[in-house]
Amino acid sequence: MAFYIQNRDNWTDFTWDGKKVLLKLSEIGHLQGKLLDWIENEIEVDPVLKAAMAHLWFVTIHPFEDGNGRKTRAITEMILARSDRQYATKKF
């Protein structure tokens, strides 16, 4: 599976498993907002699955020239840390 990012004018594109995917640069802010809203409000998804989905979503948006991997790992860690707090307060 190859993953390459290229920026062209008002579009960013990447190749995922041999298929080209295009994102309009003007939509990146909107997509990031949707991701953050989903992270903050989605409670029905298992925390590990939620962390994995958020990781994939952020990497797919790929909003920055550099540091996307570090930011993605920080988002993943935040979701997992929040889930520890959530389960630590439950009584079994």
C-alpha atoms as a PDB file:
ATOM      1  CA  MET A   1       0.000   0.000   0.000  1.00  0.00           C
ATOM      2  CA  ALA A   2       1.572   3.283  -1.098  1.00  0.00           C
ATOM      3  CA  PHE A   3       0.624   6.659   0.329  1.00  0.00           C
ATOM      4  CA  TYR A   4       1.949   9.792  -1.413  1.00  0.00           C
ATOM      5  CA  ILE A   5       0.885  13.398  -0.827  1.00  0.00           C
ATOM      6  CA  GLN A   6       1.137  16.173  -3.412  1.00  0.00           C
ATOM      7  CA  ASN A   7      -0.154  19.757  -3.375  1.00  0.00           C
ATOM      8  CA  ARG A   8      -1.351  21.405  -6.579  1.00  0.00           C
ATOM      9  CA  ASP A   9      -2.862  24.888  -6.687  1.00  0.00           C
ATOM     10  CA  ASN A  10      -6.099  24.658  -4.676  1.00  0.00           C
ATOM     11  CA  TRP A  11      -6.127  20.878  -4.365  1.00  0.00           C
ATOM     12  CA  THR A  12      -4.232  18.325  -2.390  1.00  0.00           C
ATOM     13  CA  ASP A  13      -4.165  14.782  -3.613  1.00  0.00           C
ATOM     14  CA  PHE A  14      -2.815  11.524  -2.362  1.00  0.00           C
ATOM     15  CA  THR A  15      -2.554   8.025  -3.670  1.00  0.00           C
ATOM     16  CA  TRP A  16      -4.078   5.325  -1.524  1.00  0.00           C
ATOM     17  CA  ASP A  17      -3.563   1.748  -2.637  1.00  0.00           C
ATOM     18  CA  GLY A  18      -3.092   2.812  -6.239  1.00  0.00           C
ATOM     19  CA  LYS A  19      -6.127   5.125  -6.362  1.00  0.00           C
ATOM     20  CA  LYS A  20      -5.854   8.917  -6.465  1.00  0.00           C
ATOM     21  CA  VAL A  21      -7.957  10.875  -3.961  1.00  0.00           C
ATOM     22  CA  LEU A  22      -8.449  14.653  -4.283  1.00  0.00           C
ATOM     23  CA  LEU A  23      -9.270  17.079  -1.467  1.00  0.00           C
ATOM     24  CA  LYS A  24     -10.024  20.742  -2.089  1.00  0.00           C
ATOM     25  CA  LEU A  25      -7.723  22.842   0.118  1.00  0.00           C
ATOM     26  CA  SER A  26     -10.602  25.147   1.038  1.00  0.00           C
ATOM     27  CA  GLU A  27     -12.439  22.133   2.518  1.00  0.00           C
ATOM     28  CA  ILE A  28      -9.640  21.092   4.880  1.00  0.00           C
ATOM     29  CA  GLY A  29     -10.751  23.459   7.665  1.00  0.00           C
ATOM     30  CA  HIS A  30     -14.320  22.192   7.383  1.00  0.00           C
ATOM     31  CA  LEU A  31     -13.156  18.569   7.478  1.00  0.00           C
ATOM     32  CA  GLN A  32     -11.002  19.263  10.538  1.00  0.00           C
ATOM     33  CA  GLY A  33     -14.006  20.846  12.269  1.00  0.00           C
ATOM     34  CA  LYS A  34     -16.136  17.797  11.509  1.00  0.00           C
ATOM     35  CA  LEU A  35     -13.402  15.536  12.893  1.00  0.00           C
ATOM     36  CA  LEU A  36     -13.088  17.546  16.117  1.00  0.00           C
ATOM     37  CA  ASP A  37     -16.862  17.624  16.526  1.00  0.00           C
ATOM     38  CA  TRP A  38     -17.000  13.848  16.075  1.00  0.00           C
ATOM     39  CA  ILE A  39     -14.171  13.312  18.586  1.00  0.00           C
ATOM     40  CA  GLU A  40     -15.892  15.484  21.183  1.00  0.00           C
ATOM     41  CA  ASN A  41     -19.431  14.176  20.719  1.00  0.00           C
ATOM     42  CA  GLU A  42     -19.261  10.528  19.616  1.00  0.00           C
ATOM     43  CA  ILE A  43     -19.794   8.287  22.635  1.00  0.00           C
ATOM     44  CA  GLU A  44     -21.185   5.092  21.130  1.00  0.00           C
ATOM     45  CA  VAL A  45     -17.898   3.880  19.606  1.00  0.00           C
ATOM     46  CA  ASP A  46     -15.385   1.731  21.501  1.00  0.00           C
ATOM     47  CA  PRO A  47     -12.474   4.024  22.533  1.00  0.00           C
ATOM     48  CA  VAL A  48      -9.799   1.963  20.764  1.00  0.00           C
ATOM     49  CA  LEU A  49     -11.837   1.914  17.557  1.00  0.00           C
ATOM     50  CA  LYS A  50     -12.561   5.633  17.964  1.00  0.00           C
ATOM     51  CA  ALA A  51      -8.821   6.364  18.303  1.00  0.00           C
ATOM     52  CA  ALA A  52      -8.064   4.313  15.188  1.00  0.00           C
ATOM     53  CA  MET A  53     -10.834   6.005  13.183  1.00  0.00           C
ATOM     54  CA  ALA A  54      -9.690   9.483  14.262  1.00  0.00           C
ATOM     55  CA  HIS A  55      -6.111   8.564  13.334  1.00  0.00           C
ATOM     56  CA  LEU A  56      -7.132   7.493   9.830  1.00  0.00           C
ATOM     57  CA  TRP A  57      -9.437  10.496   9.399  1.00  0.00           C
ATOM     58  CA  PHE A  58      -6.738  13.024  10.363  1.00  0.00           C
ATOM     59  CA  VAL A  59      -4.054  11.374   8.212  1.00  0.00           C
ATOM     60  CA  THR A  60      -6.476  11.356   5.288  1.00  0.00           C
ATOM     61  CA  ILE A  61      -7.161  15.086   5.670  1.00  0.00           C
ATOM     62  CA  HIS A  62      -3.373  15.679   6.005  1.00  0.00           C
ATOM     63  CA  PRO A  63      -3.780  19.417   6.721  1.00  0.00           C
ATOM     64  CA  PHE A  64      -0.148  20.390   7.374  1.00  0.00           C
ATOM     65  CA  GLU A  65       3.059  20.253   5.348  1.00  0.00           C
ATOM     66  CA  ASP A  66       4.944  18.794   8.321  1.00  0.00           C
ATOM     67  CA  GLY A  67       3.995  17.236  11.637  1.00  0.00           C
ATOM     68  CA  ASN A  68       0.827  15.383  10.642  1.00  0.00           C
ATOM     69  CA  GLY A  69       2.132  12.144  12.146  1.00  0.00           C
ATOM     70  CA  ARG A  70       2.997  13.771  15.486  1.00  0.00           C
ATOM     71  CA  LYS A  71      -0.362  15.509  15.674  1.00  0.00           C
ATOM     72  CA  THR A  72      -2.169  12.307  14.748  1.00  0.00           C
ATOM     73  CA  ARG A  73      -0.395  10.379  17.490  1.00  0.00           C
ATOM     74  CA  ALA A  74      -1.286  13.134  19.979  1.00  0.00           C
ATOM     75  CA  ILE A  75      -4.968  12.917  18.982  1.00  0.00           C
ATOM     76  CA  THR A  76      -4.874   9.136  19.351  1.00  0.00           C
ATOM     77  CA  GLU A  77      -3.243   9.389  22.795  1.00  0.00           C
ATOM     78  CA  MET A  78      -5.792  12.007  23.893  1.00  0.00           C
ATOM     79  CA  ILE A  79      -8.728   9.782  22.949  1.00  0.00           C
ATOM     80  CA  LEU A  80      -7.233   6.769  24.717  1.00  0.00           C
ATOM     81  CA  ALA A  81      -6.385   8.825  27.827  1.00  0.00           C
ATOM     82  CA  ARG A  82      -9.933  10.146  27.981  1.00  0.00           C
ATOM     83  CA  SER A  83     -11.255   6.605  27.769  1.00  0.00           C
ATOM     84  CA  ASP A  84      -9.101   5.568  30.743  1.00  0.00           C
ATOM     85  CA  ARG A  85     -10.702   8.336  32.777  1.00  0.00           C
ATOM     86  CA  GLN A  86     -14.152   7.309  31.605  1.00  0.00           C
ATOM     87  CA  TYR A  87     -13.702   3.671  32.577  1.00  0.00           C
ATOM     88  CA  ALA A  88     -11.877   4.485  35.833  1.00  0.00           C
ATOM     89  CA  THR A  89     -14.988   6.247  37.159  1.00  0.00           C
ATOM     90  CA  LYS A  90     -17.392   3.402  36.324  1.00  0.00           C
ATOM     91  CA  LYS A  91     -18.406   1.012  39.074  1.00  0.00           C
ATOM     92  CA  PHE A  92     -18.446  -2.656  38.214  1.00  0.00           C
END
